[in-house]
C-alpha atoms as a PDB file:
ATOM      1  CA  MET A   1       0.021   0.070   0.046  1.00  0.00           C
ATOM      2  CA  LYS A   2       1.060   3.449  -0.473  1.00  0.00           C
ATOM      3  CA  PRO A   3       0.152   7.151   0.874  1.00  0.00           C
ATOM      4  CA  HIS A   4      -2.520   8.995  -1.165  1.00  0.00           C
ATOM      5  CA  SER A   5      -1.191  11.264  -3.572  1.00  0.00           C
ATOM      6  CA  LEU A   6      -3.152  14.226  -1.997  1.00  0.00           C
ATOM      7  CA  TYR A   7      -3.692  13.103   1.672  1.00  0.00           C
ATOM      8  CA  SER A   8      -0.721  11.348   3.453  1.00  0.00           C
ATOM      9  CA  ASN A   9      -2.971  10.065   6.331  1.00  0.00           C
ATOM     10  CA  LEU A  10      -4.950   7.873   3.712  1.00  0.00           C
ATOM     11  CA  LEU A  11      -3.402   4.685   2.134  1.00  0.00           C
ATOM     12  CA  LEU A  12      -4.320   3.020  -1.187  1.00  0.00           C
ATOM     13  CA  PHE A  13      -3.923  -0.384  -2.908  1.00  0.00           C
ATOM     14  CA  ASP A  14      -1.617  -0.317  -6.006  1.00  0.00           C
ATOM     15  CA  LEU A  15      -3.983  -2.596  -7.986  1.00  0.00           C
ATOM     16  CA  PHE A  16      -6.847  -0.411  -7.156  1.00  0.00           C
ATOM     17  CA  ASP A  17      -5.436   2.851  -7.787  1.00  0.00           C
ATOM     18  CA  ARG A  18      -4.752   1.941 -11.523  1.00  0.00           C
ATOM     19  CA  GLU A  19      -8.785   1.405 -11.834  1.00  0.00           C
ATOM     20  CA  LYS A  20     -10.126   4.493 -13.257  1.00  0.00           C
ATOM     21  CA  SER A  21     -13.774   3.781 -12.209  1.00  0.00           C
ATOM     22  CA  ILE A  22     -12.839   3.096  -8.537  1.00  0.00           C
ATOM     23  CA  VAL A  23     -12.048   5.416  -5.601  1.00  0.00           C
ATOM     24  CA  HIS A  24     -10.927   3.620  -2.309  1.00  0.00           C
ATOM     25  CA  PHE A  25      -8.915   4.491   0.648  1.00  0.00           C
ATOM     26  CA  THR A  26      -7.767   3.199   4.132  1.00  0.00           C
ATOM     27  CA  THR A  27      -7.685   5.946   6.820  1.00  0.00           C
ATOM     28  CA  THR A  28      -4.645   6.002   9.466  1.00  0.00           C
ATOM     29  CA  ARG A  29      -5.006   7.274  12.962  1.00  0.00           C
ATOM     30  CA  THR A  30      -3.550  10.737  11.958  1.00  0.00           C
ATOM     31  CA  GLY A  31      -5.379  13.751  10.456  1.00  0.00           C
ATOM     32  CA  GLY A  32      -8.356  14.167  12.876  1.00  0.00           C
ATOM     33  CA  VAL A  33      -9.804  15.792  15.956  1.00  0.00           C
ATOM     34  CA  SER A  34      -9.885  12.899  18.774  1.00  0.00           C
ATOM     35  CA  ASP A  35      -8.031  12.995  21.674  1.00  0.00           C
ATOM     36  CA  GLY A  36      -6.044  10.697  24.012  1.00  0.00           C
ATOM     37  CA  ALA A  37      -5.948   7.162  23.263  1.00  0.00           C
ATOM     38  CA  PHE A  38      -8.521   8.034  20.294  1.00  0.00           C
ATOM     39  CA  SER A  39      -6.007  10.767  18.933  1.00  0.00           C
ATOM     40  CA  SER A  40      -6.838  11.608  16.190  1.00  0.00           C
ATOM     41  CA  PHE A  41      -8.918  10.148  13.278  1.00  0.00           C
ATOM     42  CA  ASN A  42     -11.047   7.794  14.945  1.00  0.00           C
ATOM     43  CA  MET A  43     -13.988   6.613  12.672  1.00  0.00           C
ATOM     44  CA  GLY A  44     -15.591   3.997  15.152  1.00  0.00           C
ATOM     45  CA  ASN A  45     -18.672   4.919  16.716  1.00  0.00           C
ATOM     46  CA  PHE A  46     -18.716   2.030  19.104  1.00  0.00           C
ATOM     47  CA  SER A  47     -16.047   3.248  21.490  1.00  0.00           C
ATOM     48  CA  ASP A  48     -15.599   5.624  24.491  1.00  0.00           C
ATOM     49  CA  ASP A  49     -14.468   8.708  22.158  1.00  0.00           C
ATOM     50  CA  ASN A  50     -16.635  11.769  22.123  1.00  0.00           C
ATOM     51  CA  PRO A  51     -19.255  11.114  19.482  1.00  0.00           C
ATOM     52  CA  LEU A  52     -19.195  14.832  18.351  1.00  0.00           C
ATOM     53  CA  SER A  53     -15.170  13.926  17.372  1.00  0.00           C
ATOM     54  CA  ILE A  54     -16.308  10.792  15.484  1.00  0.00           C
ATOM     55  CA  SER A  55     -18.603  12.828  13.469  1.00  0.00           C
ATOM     56  CA  GLU A  56     -16.097  15.630  12.979  1.00  0.00           C
ATOM     57  CA  ASN A  57     -13.578  12.707  11.624  1.00  0.00           C
ATOM     58  CA  ARG A  58     -16.181  11.351   9.298  1.00  0.00           C
ATOM     59  CA  GLU A  59     -17.051  14.948   7.752  1.00  0.00           C
ATOM     60  CA  ILE A  60     -13.232  15.683   7.352  1.00  0.00           C
ATOM     61  CA  LEU A  61     -12.981  12.484   5.212  1.00  0.00           C
ATOM     62  CA  ALA A  62     -15.908  13.180   3.475  1.00  0.00           C
ATOM     63  CA  ARG A  63     -14.710  16.480   2.497  1.00  0.00           C
ATOM     64  CA  MET A  64     -11.509  14.933   1.247  1.00  0.00           C
ATOM     65  CA  PHE A  65     -13.872  13.380  -1.582  1.00  0.00           C
ATOM     66  CA  TYR A  66     -16.219  16.301  -1.975  1.00  0.00           C
ATOM     67  CA  MET A  67     -18.968  14.099  -0.734  1.00  0.00           C
ATOM     68  CA  ASP A  68     -21.573  14.191   2.132  1.00  0.00           C
ATOM     69  CA  ALA A  69     -20.865  11.686   4.909  1.00  0.00           C
ATOM     70  CA  SER A  70     -24.379  10.015   4.365  1.00  0.00           C
ATOM     71  CA  ARG A  71     -22.792   8.608   1.072  1.00  0.00           C
ATOM     72  CA  PHE A  72     -20.460   6.385   3.121  1.00  0.00           C
ATOM     73  CA  ILE A  73     -22.366   3.181   4.120  1.00  0.00           C
ATOM     74  CA  ILE A  74     -20.742   1.861   7.458  1.00  0.00           C
ATOM     75  CA  PRO A  75     -22.276  -0.979   9.107  1.00  0.00           C
ATOM     76  CA  HIS A  76     -22.493  -1.938  12.863  1.00  0.00           C
ATOM     77  CA  GLN A  77     -20.401  -4.830  12.755  1.00  0.00           C
ATOM     78  CA  THR A  78     -20.787  -7.691  15.018  1.00  0.00           C
ATOM     79  CA  HIS A  79     -18.294 -10.267  13.809  1.00  0.00           C
ATOM     80  CA  SER A  80     -20.914 -12.143  11.984  1.00  0.00           C
ATOM     81  CA  ALA A  81     -20.821 -13.426   8.197  1.00  0.00           C
ATOM     82  CA  ARG A  82     -23.895 -11.573   7.247  1.00  0.00           C
ATOM     83  CA  VAL A  83     -23.624  -9.982   3.839  1.00  0.00           C
ATOM     84  CA  LEU A  84     -26.005  -7.288   2.934  1.00  0.00           C
ATOM     85  CA  THR A  85     -26.628  -5.855  -0.773  1.00  0.00           C
ATOM     86  CA  ILE A  86     -27.064  -2.018  -0.765  1.00  0.00           C
ATOM     87  CA  ASP A  87     -29.427  -1.561  -3.594  1.00  0.00           C
ATOM     88  CA  LYS A  88     -31.679   1.418  -4.341  1.00  0.00           C
ATOM     89  CA  ASN A  89     -34.395   0.176  -1.918  1.00  0.00           C
ATOM     90  CA  PHE A  90     -31.916   0.512   0.887  1.00  0.00           C
ATOM     91  CA  LEU A  91     -30.807   3.743  -0.241  1.00  0.00           C
ATOM     92  CA  SER A  92     -34.130   5.310  -0.029  1.00  0.00           C
ATOM     93  CA  LEU A  93     -34.928   4.073   3.525  1.00  0.00           C
ATOM     94  CA  ASP A  94     -35.352   6.579   6.320  1.00  0.00           C
ATOM     95  CA  HIS A  95     -32.098   7.346   8.092  1.00  0.00           C
ATOM     96  CA  ALA A  96     -33.006   5.590  11.157  1.00  0.00           C
ATOM     97  CA  VAL A  97     -34.461   2.170   9.631  1.00  0.00           C
ATOM     98  CA  ALA A  98     -31.221   2.341   7.414  1.00  0.00           C
ATOM     99  CA  ILE A  99     -29.050   2.120  10.566  1.00  0.00           C
ATOM    100  CA  GLU A 100     -31.368  -0.291  11.926  1.00  0.00           C
ATOM    101  CA  THR A 101     -30.907  -2.490   8.720  1.00  0.00           C
ATOM    102  CA  LEU A 102     -27.008  -2.182   8.937  1.00  0.00           C
ATOM    103  CA  TYR A 103     -26.885  -3.517  12.385  1.00  0.00           C
ATOM    104  CA  GLY A 104     -25.327  -7.013  12.718  1.00  0.00           C
ATOM    105  CA  VAL A 105     -23.712  -6.518   9.001  1.00  0.00           C
ATOM    106  CA  ASP A 106     -19.793  -7.333   8.375  1.00  0.00           C
ATOM    107  CA  ALA A 107     -19.769  -6.971   4.456  1.00  0.00           C
ATOM    108  CA  THR A 108     -21.892  -5.294   1.982  1.00  0.00           C
ATOM    109  CA  ILE A 109     -22.150  -5.611  -1.885  1.00  0.00           C
ATOM    110  CA  THR A 110     -23.375  -3.104  -4.516  1.00  0.00           C
ATOM    111  CA  VAL A 111     -23.747  -2.140  -8.348  1.00  0.00           C
ATOM    112  CA  GLU A 112     -24.807   1.327  -7.189  1.00  0.00           C
ATOM    113  CA  LYS A 113     -22.408   4.051  -8.015  1.00  0.00           C
ATOM    114  CA  ASP A 114     -21.321   7.280  -6.024  1.00  0.00           C
ATOM    115  CA  ILE A 115     -21.439   5.390  -2.753  1.00  0.00           C
ATOM    116  CA  PHE A 116     -18.725   4.236  -0.683  1.00  0.00           C
ATOM    117  CA  LEU A 117     -19.076   0.797   1.037  1.00  0.00           C
ATOM    118  CA  CYS A 118     -17.037   0.732   4.099  1.00  0.00           C
ATOM    119  CA  VAL A 119     -15.558  -1.570   7.084  1.00  0.00           C
ATOM    120  CA  THR A 120     -14.202  -0.177  10.246  1.00  0.00           C
ATOM    121  CA  THR A 121     -11.126  -2.258  11.727  1.00  0.00           C
ATOM    122  CA  ALA A 122      -8.586  -2.178  14.352  1.00  0.00           C
ATOM    123  CA  ASP A 123      -6.522  -5.536  14.057  1.00  0.00           C
ATOM    124  CA  CYS A 124      -9.237  -7.275  12.035  1.00  0.00           C
ATOM    125  CA  VAL A 125      -8.871  -7.478   8.326  1.00  0.00           C
ATOM    126  CA  PRO A 126     -10.478  -5.230   5.802  1.00  0.00           C
ATOM    127  CA  VAL A 127     -10.965  -6.756   2.417  1.00  0.00           C
ATOM    128  CA  ILE A 128     -12.431  -4.809  -0.678  1.00  0.00           C
ATOM    129  CA  LEU A 129     -13.398  -6.459  -3.805  1.00  0.00           C
ATOM    130  CA  TYR A 130     -14.036  -5.052  -7.301  1.00  0.00           C
ATOM    131  CA  ASP A 131     -15.670  -7.069 -10.126  1.00  0.00           C
ATOM    132  CA  ARG A 132     -14.250  -5.003 -13.177  1.00  0.00           C
ATOM    133  CA  ARG A 133     -16.547  -6.921 -15.788  1.00  0.00           C
ATOM    134  CA  ASN A 134     -20.093  -6.546 -14.036  1.00  0.00           C
ATOM    135  CA  GLU A 135     -19.073  -3.367 -11.931  1.00  0.00           C
ATOM    136  CA  VAL A 136     -19.825  -4.984  -8.619  1.00  0.00           C
ATOM    137  CA  ILE A 137     -17.882  -3.831  -5.387  1.00  0.00           C
ATOM    138  CA  ALA A 138     -18.050  -5.306  -1.947  1.00  0.00           C
ATOM    139  CA  ALA A 139     -16.481  -4.315   1.601  1.00  0.00           C
ATOM    140  CA  ILE A 140     -15.669  -7.156   4.131  1.00  0.00           C
ATOM    141  CA  HIS A 141     -14.841  -7.167   7.882  1.00  0.00           C
ATOM    142  CA  ALA A 142     -13.087 -10.310   8.486  1.00  0.00           C
ATOM    143  CA  GLY A 143     -12.154 -10.812  12.009  1.00  0.00           C
ATOM    144  CA  TRP A 144     -11.352 -14.275  13.456  1.00  0.00           C
ATOM    145  CA  ARG A 145     -15.034 -14.966  13.660  1.00  0.00           C
ATOM    146  CA  GLY A 146     -16.020 -13.771  10.178  1.00  0.00           C
ATOM    147  CA  THR A 147     -13.024 -15.742   8.662  1.00  0.00           C
ATOM    148  CA  ALA A 148     -13.825 -18.953  10.498  1.00  0.00           C
ATOM    149  CA  GLU A 149     -17.460 -18.596   9.095  1.00  0.00           C
ATOM    150  CA  ARG A 150     -15.929 -17.984   5.643  1.00  0.00           C
ATOM    151  CA  ILE A 151     -17.314 -14.223   5.248  1.00  0.00           C
ATOM    152  CA  THR A 152     -15.181 -13.864   2.213  1.00  0.00           C
ATOM    153  CA  GLU A 153     -16.495 -16.887   0.250  1.00  0.00           C
ATOM    154  CA  LYS A 154     -19.985 -15.766   1.049  1.00  0.00           C
ATOM    155  CA  THR A 155     -19.443 -12.392  -0.126  1.00  0.00           C
ATOM    156  CA  VAL A 156     -18.134 -13.603  -3.578  1.00  0.00           C
ATOM    157  CA  MET A 157     -20.815 -16.191  -3.875  1.00  0.00           C
ATOM    158  CA  GLU A 158     -23.273 -13.264  -3.323  1.00  0.00           C
ATOM    159  CA  MET A 159     -21.713 -11.241  -6.100  1.00  0.00           C
ATOM    160  CA  GLU A 160     -21.982 -14.310  -8.063  1.00  0.00           C
ATOM    161  CA  ARG A 161     -25.643 -15.335  -7.281  1.00  0.00           C
ATOM    162  CA  GLN A 162     -26.836 -11.801  -7.768  1.00  0.00           C
ATOM    163  CA  PHE A 163     -24.943 -10.067 -10.290  1.00  0.00           C
ATOM    164  CA  GLY A 164     -23.098 -13.006 -12.164  1.00  0.00           C
ATOM    165  CA  SER A 165     -19.610 -12.251 -10.887  1.00  0.00           C
ATOM    166  CA  SER A 166     -16.911 -14.521 -11.858  1.00  0.00           C
ATOM    167  CA  PRO A 167     -13.788 -14.683  -9.471  1.00  0.00           C
ATOM    168  CA  GLY A 168     -11.432 -14.399 -12.464  1.00  0.00           C
ATOM    169  CA  ASP A 169     -12.857 -10.768 -13.089  1.00  0.00           C
ATOM    170  CA  ILE A 170     -12.281  -9.666  -9.338  1.00  0.00           C
ATOM    171  CA  LEU A 171      -9.776  -7.511  -7.815  1.00  0.00           C
ATOM    172  CA  ALA A 172      -9.053  -8.064  -4.224  1.00  0.00           C
ATOM    173  CA  GLY A 173      -7.549  -5.829  -1.575  1.00  0.00           C
ATOM    174  CA  ILE A 174      -6.525  -7.000   1.832  1.00  0.00           C
ATOM    175  CA  GLY A 175      -5.758  -4.370   4.237  1.00  0.00           C
ATOM    176  CA  PRO A 176      -3.727  -3.421   7.323  1.00  0.00           C
ATOM    177  CA  SER A 177      -4.347  -5.616  10.077  1.00  0.00           C
ATOM    178  CA  ILE A 178      -2.599  -7.525  13.106  1.00  0.00           C
ATOM    179  CA  ASP A 179       0.320  -9.840  11.944  1.00  0.00           C
ATOM    180  CA  ALA A 180       0.125 -13.650  13.177  1.00  0.00           C
ATOM    181  CA  SER A 181       3.477 -12.990  15.196  1.00  0.00           C
ATOM    182  CA  ASN A 182       1.478 -10.611  17.565  1.00  0.00           C
ATOM    183  CA  TYR A 183      -1.839 -12.775  17.439  1.00  0.00           C
ATOM    184  CA  GLU A 184      -2.160 -15.316  19.816  1.00  0.00           C
ATOM    185  CA  VAL A 185      -5.399 -16.970  20.427  1.00  0.00           C
ATOM    186  CA  GLY A 186      -6.952 -19.481  22.920  1.00  0.00           C
ATOM    187  CA  ASN A 187      -8.764 -22.933  22.148  1.00  0.00           C
ATOM    188  CA  GLU A 188     -11.851 -21.258  21.610  1.00  0.00           C
ATOM    189  CA  VAL A 189     -10.647 -19.546  18.592  1.00  0.00           C
ATOM    190  CA  ALA A 190      -8.564 -22.675  17.414  1.00  0.00           C
ATOM    191  CA  ASN A 191     -11.675 -25.044  17.675  1.00  0.00           C
ATOM    192  CA  ARG A 192     -13.960 -22.832  15.701  1.00  0.00           C
ATOM    193  CA  PHE A 193     -11.442 -22.716  12.814  1.00  0.00           C
ATOM    194  CA  ARG A 194     -11.154 -26.669  13.101  1.00  0.00           C
ATOM    195  CA  GLU A 195     -14.915 -27.199  13.402  1.00  0.00           C
ATOM    196  CA  GLN A 196     -15.188 -25.160  10.221  1.00  0.00           C
ATOM    197  CA  GLY A 197     -12.691 -27.473   8.271  1.00  0.00           C
ATOM    198  CA  PHE A 198      -9.689 -25.472   8.203  1.00  0.00           C
ATOM    199  CA  ASP A 199      -6.111 -27.358   8.571  1.00  0.00           C
ATOM    200  CA  LEU A 200      -4.783 -26.156  11.799  1.00  0.00           C
ATOM    201  CA  SER A 201      -1.386 -28.225  11.188  1.00  0.00           C
ATOM    202  CA  ASP A 202      -0.534 -25.444   8.545  1.00  0.00           C
ATOM    203  CA  ALA A 203       2.166 -23.679  10.203  1.00  0.00           C
ATOM    204  CA  THR A 204       2.068 -20.807   7.757  1.00  0.00           C
ATOM    205  CA  LEU A 205      -1.564 -20.105   8.645  1.00  0.00           C
ATOM    206  CA  PHE A 206      -1.457 -21.366  12.333  1.00  0.00           C
ATOM    207  CA  PRO A 207       2.072 -21.070  13.698  1.00  0.00           C
ATOM    208  CA  ARG A 208       2.612 -22.249  17.198  1.00  0.00           C
ATOM    209  CA  LYS A 209       5.997 -22.412  19.015  1.00  0.00           C
ATOM    210  CA  ASN A 210       5.862 -26.007  20.013  1.00  0.00           C
ATOM    211  CA  PRO A 211       2.814 -28.381  20.466  1.00  0.00           C
ATOM    212  CA  ALA A 212       2.007 -27.259  23.859  1.00  0.00           C
ATOM    213  CA  SER A 213       1.894 -23.585  23.196  1.00  0.00           C
ATOM    214  CA  LYS A 214      -1.307 -21.604  21.829  1.00  0.00           C
ATOM    215  CA  PHE A 215      -1.712 -20.926  18.233  1.00  0.00           C
ATOM    216  CA  HIS A 216      -1.123 -17.642  16.283  1.00  0.00           C
ATOM    217  CA  ILE A 217      -3.295 -16.995  13.114  1.00  0.00           C
ATOM    218  CA  ASP A 218      -2.426 -15.178  10.044  1.00  0.00           C
ATOM    219  CA  LEU A 219      -5.757 -13.885   9.265  1.00  0.00           C
ATOM    220  CA  LYS A 220      -4.534 -11.891   6.093  1.00  0.00           C
ATOM    221  CA  GLU A 221      -3.107 -15.099   4.787  1.00  0.00           C
ATOM    222  CA  ILE A 222      -6.153 -16.981   5.377  1.00  0.00           C
ATOM    223  CA  ASN A 223      -8.502 -14.433   3.592  1.00  0.00           C
ATOM    224  CA  ARG A 224      -5.751 -14.426   0.588  1.00  0.00           C
ATOM    225  CA  ARG A 225      -5.774 -18.056   0.287  1.00  0.00           C
ATOM    226  CA  GLU A 226      -9.867 -18.339   0.491  1.00  0.00           C
ATOM    227  CA  LEU A 227      -9.843 -15.863  -2.548  1.00  0.00           C
ATOM    228  CA  VAL A 228      -7.317 -18.077  -4.379  1.00  0.00           C
ATOM    229  CA  ARG A 229      -9.241 -21.201  -3.574  1.00  0.00           C
ATOM    230  CA  LEU A 230     -12.289 -19.498  -5.196  1.00  0.00           C
ATOM    231  CA  GLY A 231     -10.961 -18.640  -8.304  1.00  0.00           C
ATOM    232  CA  VAL A 232      -9.351 -14.848  -7.902  1.00  0.00           C
ATOM    233  CA  PRO A 233      -5.940 -14.846  -9.847  1.00  0.00           C
ATOM    234  CA  GLY A 234      -3.026 -14.456  -7.396  1.00  0.00           C
ATOM    235  CA  ASN A 235      -1.832 -11.599  -9.531  1.00  0.00           C
ATOM    236  CA  SER A 236      -5.330  -9.850  -8.613  1.00  0.00           C
ATOM    237  CA  ILE A 237      -4.806  -9.935  -4.956  1.00  0.00           C
ATOM    238  CA  GLU A 238      -2.832  -7.232  -3.233  1.00  0.00           C
ATOM    239  CA  LYS A 239      -2.129  -7.865   0.655  1.00  0.00           C
ATOM    240  CA  SER A 240      -0.713  -5.264   2.878  1.00  0.00           C
ATOM    241  CA  ALA A 241       2.345  -6.124   4.785  1.00  0.00           C
ATOM    242  CA  LEU A 242       1.411  -3.311   7.459  1.00  0.00           C
ATOM    243  CA  CYS A 243       0.629  -4.698  11.069  1.00  0.00           C
ATOM    244  CA  THR A 244      -1.828  -2.627  13.036  1.00  0.00           C
ATOM    245  CA  PHE A 245      -0.316  -3.978  16.450  1.00  0.00           C
ATOM    246  CA  GLU A 246       3.254  -2.813  15.393  1.00  0.00           C
ATOM    247  CA  ARG A 247       2.776   0.451  13.717  1.00  0.00           C
ATOM    248  CA  GLU A 248       1.437   2.430  16.795  1.00  0.00           C
ATOM    249  CA  ASN A 249       2.166   5.473  14.657  1.00  0.00           C
ATOM    250  CA  LEU A 250      -0.224   4.593  11.831  1.00  0.00           C
ATOM    251  CA  PHE A 251      -2.897   2.544  13.156  1.00  0.00           C
ATOM    252  CA  PHE A 252      -5.317   1.762  16.281  1.00  0.00           C
ATOM    253  CA  SER A 253      -5.132  -1.818  17.578  1.00  0.00           C
ATOM    254  CA  ALA A 254      -7.616  -3.236  19.919  1.00  0.00           C
ATOM    255  CA  ARG A 255      -5.010  -6.008  21.075  1.00  0.00           C
ATOM    256  CA  ARG A 256      -2.621  -3.121  21.831  1.00  0.00           C
ATOM    257  CA  GLN A 257      -4.822  -0.330  23.086  1.00  0.00           C
ATOM    258  CA  THR A 258      -7.722  -2.967  24.429  1.00  0.00           C
ATOM    259  CA  VAL A 259     -11.083  -0.943  24.867  1.00  0.00           C
ATOM    260  CA  HIS A 260      -9.631   2.559  24.370  1.00  0.00           C
ATOM    261  CA  SER A 261      -8.902   1.638  20.637  1.00  0.00           C
ATOM    262  CA  GLY A 262     -10.208   3.832  17.942  1.00  0.00           C
ATOM    263  CA  ARG A 263     -10.766   2.477  14.381  1.00  0.00           C
ATOM    264  CA  MET A 264      -9.726   2.739  10.977  1.00  0.00           C
ATOM    265  CA  LEU A 265     -11.940   2.692   8.040  1.00  0.00           C
ATOM    266  CA  THR A 266     -11.392   1.130   4.570  1.00  0.00           C
ATOM    267  CA  GLY A 267     -13.831   2.201   1.854  1.00  0.00           C
ATOM    268  CA  ILE A 268     -14.577   1.642  -2.060  1.00  0.00           C
ATOM    269  CA  MET A 269     -16.777   3.242  -4.430  1.00  0.00           C
ATOM    270  CA  MET A 270     -17.377   3.153  -8.254  1.00  0.00           C
ATOM    271  CA  LYS A 271     -17.453   6.835  -9.871  1.00  0.00           C
ATOM    272  CA  ARG A 272     -20.380   7.240 -12.475  1.00  0.00           C
END
């Protein structure tokens, strides 16, 4: 990933930056108005940060793209595997009804133009997808629960079912998240992956120092391999090497900051 040419506090995927019909971004923690542990560009509503600061941060982001903040679709994520299609009916909903509809959603897809599909993260994996042939986009929040429940697969399948997308036409961006070396997990997490058919003996995806130690999980690589398994070409996938836990200057991290963590925002939009 690289800094935005105009806004150094935004990051871009090289693959997506070449696409003239797409606008995308991942925020960092700099450039906003939040204080203390949430300093300064916190995008997450569900934290102890001042709601007015979060609202102002989102307005700052929207002004960067000369858009209204209402054009940024930001679900209330619950680490589910639920995928919601953002269509004209959704866009016509009353604001309160739209907010309620977005509760419990961790991935969105659309063919509508001039709206950003977004996910908030602070160690979990943000994934954006773009079907160049059928002009379909998606934004996925892939934490360990969603990854174990194969949310990336479910999103790709919904793109195929509803809009005829083929994995061979999809570009994918896997954004900054916690690296496996910093992501130790307990038996509950390991068992969930095992129950869903993941191979925990794969030391690349599930490294452990010795048979008696806890697992570490490489969420970015698991989601990359899921995309390849589904048929997305390897050279159409860009995986960020940035670790949210290690890069305190750039990112919030729930593992590092516990409940006092802000959130980054990753978004994708098709232009008219």
